[in-house]
């Protein structure tokens, strides 16, 4: 794929719609939108070479892409590209274009919630077991 080109008509339209939505909802700058479009186009092209359109990617596809593309990348670069994929798939999920987001478990840990004390009858706080 040539730099700046879109991978195919179907995925290209999805990428355009994604960037439009980001601009409308979040007012992102032209430079940010261009970087998101480039990152997502490279990912879409990588998927298509494997016979998978954007909306059919699995968590395994996302993991394989991140390993292949970012083995020697700076963590900040890999994190930015992962963020683009998360935003794309969350928007697709919200728009009911996909049933499951292939990105949530990759690169994230479950948040830990603070322990909430349980109050006993006398107002005495005891840690929940």
Protein backbone atom coordinates (compact mmCIF):
# COMPACT_ATOMS: atom_id res chain seq x y z
CA UNK A 1 0.00 0.00 0.00
CA UNK A 2 1.31 3.44 -0.84
CA UNK A 3 1.51 5.94 2.00
CA UNK A 4 -1.66 7.99 2.29
CA UNK A 5 -3.76 5.65 0.17
CA UNK A 6 -6.69 3.72 1.55
CA UNK A 7 -6.58 -0.08 1.53
CA UNK A 8 -9.81 -0.76 -0.36
CA UNK A 9 -13.20 0.81 -1.05
CA UNK A 10 -15.03 -0.84 1.88
CA UNK A 11 -12.37 -0.35 4.53
CA UNK A 12 -11.50 3.07 3.12
CA UNK A 13 -15.09 4.22 3.64
CA UNK A 14 -15.00 2.88 7.21
CA UNK A 15 -11.79 4.78 7.91
CA UNK A 16 -13.28 7.96 6.45
CA UNK A 17 -16.40 7.58 8.59
CA UNK A 18 -14.25 6.94 11.69
CA UNK A 19 -12.17 10.07 11.11
CA UNK A 20 -15.31 12.13 10.44
CA UNK A 21 -16.85 10.89 13.69
CA UNK A 22 -13.71 11.77 15.65
CA UNK A 23 -13.65 15.23 14.15
CA UNK A 24 -17.35 15.82 14.85
CA UNK A 25 -17.41 14.35 18.36
CA UNK A 26 -13.99 15.35 19.66
CA UNK A 27 -12.77 18.15 17.39
CA UNK A 28 -9.41 16.50 16.77
CA UNK A 29 -6.84 18.45 14.78
CA UNK A 30 -6.05 17.77 11.12
CA UNK A 31 -2.63 16.38 12.10
CA UNK A 32 -4.12 13.98 14.65
CA UNK A 33 -6.78 12.82 12.20
CA UNK A 34 -4.12 12.32 9.51
CA UNK A 35 -2.04 10.20 11.89
CA UNK A 36 -5.11 8.15 12.88
CA UNK A 37 -6.06 7.66 9.21
CA UNK A 38 -2.50 6.58 8.35
CA UNK A 39 -2.25 4.15 11.29
CA UNK A 40 -5.65 2.63 10.61
CA UNK A 41 -4.97 2.36 6.86
CA UNK A 42 -1.70 0.52 7.49
CA UNK A 43 -3.50 -1.88 9.84
CA UNK A 44 -6.36 -2.40 7.34
CA UNK A 45 -3.86 -3.14 4.57
CA UNK A 46 -2.04 -5.61 6.83
CA UNK A 47 -5.35 -7.35 7.54
CA UNK A 48 -6.41 -7.45 3.89
CA UNK A 49 -3.13 -9.14 2.92
CA UNK A 50 -4.32 -11.91 5.24
CA UNK A 51 -7.81 -11.91 3.73
CA UNK A 52 -9.52 -10.16 6.67
CA UNK A 53 -11.52 -6.93 6.38
CA UNK A 54 -11.41 -4.42 9.26
CA UNK A 55 -14.78 -5.39 10.71
CA UNK A 56 -13.89 -9.10 10.78
CA UNK A 57 -10.65 -8.85 12.76
CA UNK A 58 -10.29 -10.96 15.87
CA UNK A 59 -8.27 -10.40 19.03
CA UNK A 60 -5.73 -12.83 17.57
CA UNK A 61 -5.43 -10.60 14.48
CA UNK A 62 -4.87 -7.50 16.62
CA UNK A 63 -2.23 -9.28 18.71
CA UNK A 64 -0.44 -10.61 15.61
CA UNK A 65 -0.42 -7.14 14.05
CA UNK A 66 0.96 -5.53 17.18
CA UNK A 67 3.71 -8.16 17.44
CA UNK A 68 4.59 -7.90 13.73
CA UNK A 69 4.45 -4.12 13.48
CA UNK A 70 5.78 -3.07 16.85
CA UNK A 71 8.47 -5.55 17.84
CA UNK A 72 11.11 -2.80 17.71
CA UNK A 73 8.89 0.27 18.20
CA UNK A 74 8.97 2.71 21.05
CA UNK A 75 6.26 1.90 23.62
CA UNK A 76 4.66 5.31 23.04
CA UNK A 77 4.29 4.59 19.30
CA UNK A 78 2.79 1.15 19.90
CA UNK A 79 0.43 2.58 22.53
CA UNK A 80 -0.76 5.33 20.19
CA UNK A 81 -1.48 2.82 17.43
CA UNK A 82 -3.28 0.53 19.86
CA UNK A 83 -5.34 3.50 20.99
CA UNK A 84 -6.43 4.13 17.39
CA UNK A 85 -7.55 0.51 17.04
CA UNK A 86 -9.45 0.65 20.33
CA UNK A 87 -11.24 3.85 19.30
CA UNK A 88 -12.09 2.43 15.87
CA UNK A 89 -13.53 -0.82 17.23
CA UNK A 90 -15.40 0.87 20.08
CA UNK A 91 -17.08 3.18 17.56
CA UNK A 92 -17.90 0.18 15.35
CA UNK A 93 -19.37 -1.60 18.38
CA UNK A 94 -21.39 1.48 19.33
CA UNK A 95 -22.68 1.69 15.73
CA UNK A 96 -23.54 -2.04 15.82
CA UNK A 97 -21.18 -2.81 12.95
CA UNK A 98 -19.53 -5.53 15.07
CA UNK A 99 -20.71 -7.71 17.95
CA UNK A 100 -17.47 -7.82 19.91
CA UNK A 101 -14.48 -5.53 20.25
CA UNK A 102 -11.28 -7.42 19.35
CA UNK A 103 -9.10 -5.02 21.36
CA UNK A 104 -10.22 -4.90 25.03
CA UNK A 105 -8.10 -7.61 26.60
CA UNK A 106 -4.95 -6.80 24.66
CA UNK A 107 -2.51 -4.60 26.53
CA UNK A 108 -4.85 -3.84 29.39
CA UNK A 109 -5.17 -5.10 32.90
CA UNK A 110 -8.30 -5.32 34.97
CA UNK A 111 -8.71 -2.29 37.20
CA UNK A 112 -8.45 -2.97 40.89
CA UNK A 113 -11.14 -1.40 43.01
CA UNK A 114 -10.39 -0.08 46.47
CA UNK A 115 -11.65 -2.19 49.31
CA UNK A 116 -14.92 -0.82 50.67
CA UNK A 117 -15.47 -1.16 54.41
CA UNK A 118 -18.65 -2.79 55.66
CA UNK A 119 -20.45 -0.96 58.46
CA UNK A 120 -21.65 -2.99 61.39
CA UNK A 121 -24.67 -2.08 63.49
CA UNK A 122 -22.68 0.07 65.92
CA UNK A 123 -21.18 2.19 63.09
CA UNK A 124 -17.91 0.28 63.35
CA UNK A 125 -16.17 -0.13 59.98
CA UNK A 126 -14.77 -3.57 59.18
CA UNK A 127 -12.87 -4.50 56.01
CA UNK A 128 -14.87 -6.67 53.65
CA UNK A 129 -13.44 -10.19 53.37
